Amino acid sequence: MLLASGLGGLAQVVARSWLHSDRSVPRDTAVQLLASLAWRGIAGFPLYGSEQAQGD
């Protein structure tokens, strides 16, 4: 759930920033850049939590 919330927050903050900017980046390009950033970020995320993290 934490990962989903983080990705949702990422999308929301980027969308707001894009809407309030001069929109020099086309919408489709911005969407692809954000998707690439999100996928690259979660690609390195472990599939299973470490035992240390679960005990905290």
Protein backbone atom coordinates (compact mmCIF):
# COMPACT_ATOMS: atom_id res chain seq x y z
CA MET A 1 0.00 0.00 0.00
CA LEU A 2 2.88 2.34 0.77
CA LEU A 3 4.34 1.89 -2.72
CA ALA A 4 0.97 2.57 -4.34
CA SER A 5 0.56 5.75 -2.29
CA GLY A 6 4.03 6.90 -3.29
CA LEU A 7 3.38 6.35 -6.98
CA GLY A 8 0.03 8.11 -6.72
CA GLY A 9 1.66 11.06 -4.99
CA LEU A 10 4.37 11.19 -7.63
CA ALA A 11 1.79 11.35 -10.40
CA GLN A 12 -0.29 13.97 -8.60
CA VAL A 13 2.63 16.29 -7.85
CA VAL A 14 4.00 16.04 -11.39
CA ALA A 15 0.55 16.67 -12.91
CA ARG A 16 0.01 19.76 -10.77
CA SER A 17 3.46 21.07 -11.60
CA TRP A 18 2.88 20.50 -15.32
CA LEU A 19 -0.51 22.25 -15.20
CA HIS A 20 0.97 25.32 -13.48
CA SER A 21 4.00 25.54 -15.77
CA ASP A 22 4.29 27.02 -19.22
CA ARG A 23 3.78 23.46 -20.53
CA SER A 24 6.88 23.54 -22.70
CA VAL A 25 6.82 19.73 -22.57
CA PRO A 26 3.94 18.25 -24.58
CA ARG A 27 1.40 16.25 -22.57
CA ASP A 28 2.18 12.89 -24.20
CA THR A 29 5.90 13.40 -23.62
CA ALA A 30 5.32 14.34 -19.98
CA VAL A 31 3.22 11.21 -19.47
CA GLN A 32 5.91 9.00 -21.02
CA LEU A 33 8.65 10.62 -18.94
CA LEU A 34 6.67 10.14 -15.73
CA ALA A 35 5.84 6.53 -16.58
CA SER A 36 9.49 5.83 -17.34
CA LEU A 37 10.59 7.40 -14.05
CA ALA A 38 8.02 5.41 -12.08
CA TRP A 39 8.84 2.07 -13.76
CA ARG A 40 12.57 2.56 -13.35
CA GLY A 41 12.04 3.40 -9.71
CA ILE A 42 9.93 0.36 -8.91
CA ALA A 43 12.10 -1.93 -11.05
CA GLY A 44 14.77 -1.73 -8.35
CA PHE A 45 12.28 -2.22 -5.54
CA PRO A 46 12.59 -5.64 -3.86
CA LEU A 47 9.74 -8.06 -4.52
CA TYR A 48 9.77 -9.09 -0.88
CA GLY A 49 10.55 -7.00 2.19
CA SER A 50 13.65 -7.74 4.19
CA GLU A 51 13.28 -9.37 7.59
CA GLN A 52 14.83 -6.32 9.24
CA ALA A 53 12.24 -3.99 7.68
CA GLN A 54 9.39 -6.26 8.81
CA GLY A 55 10.65 -6.26 12.40
CA ASP A 56 10.79 -2.46 12.70
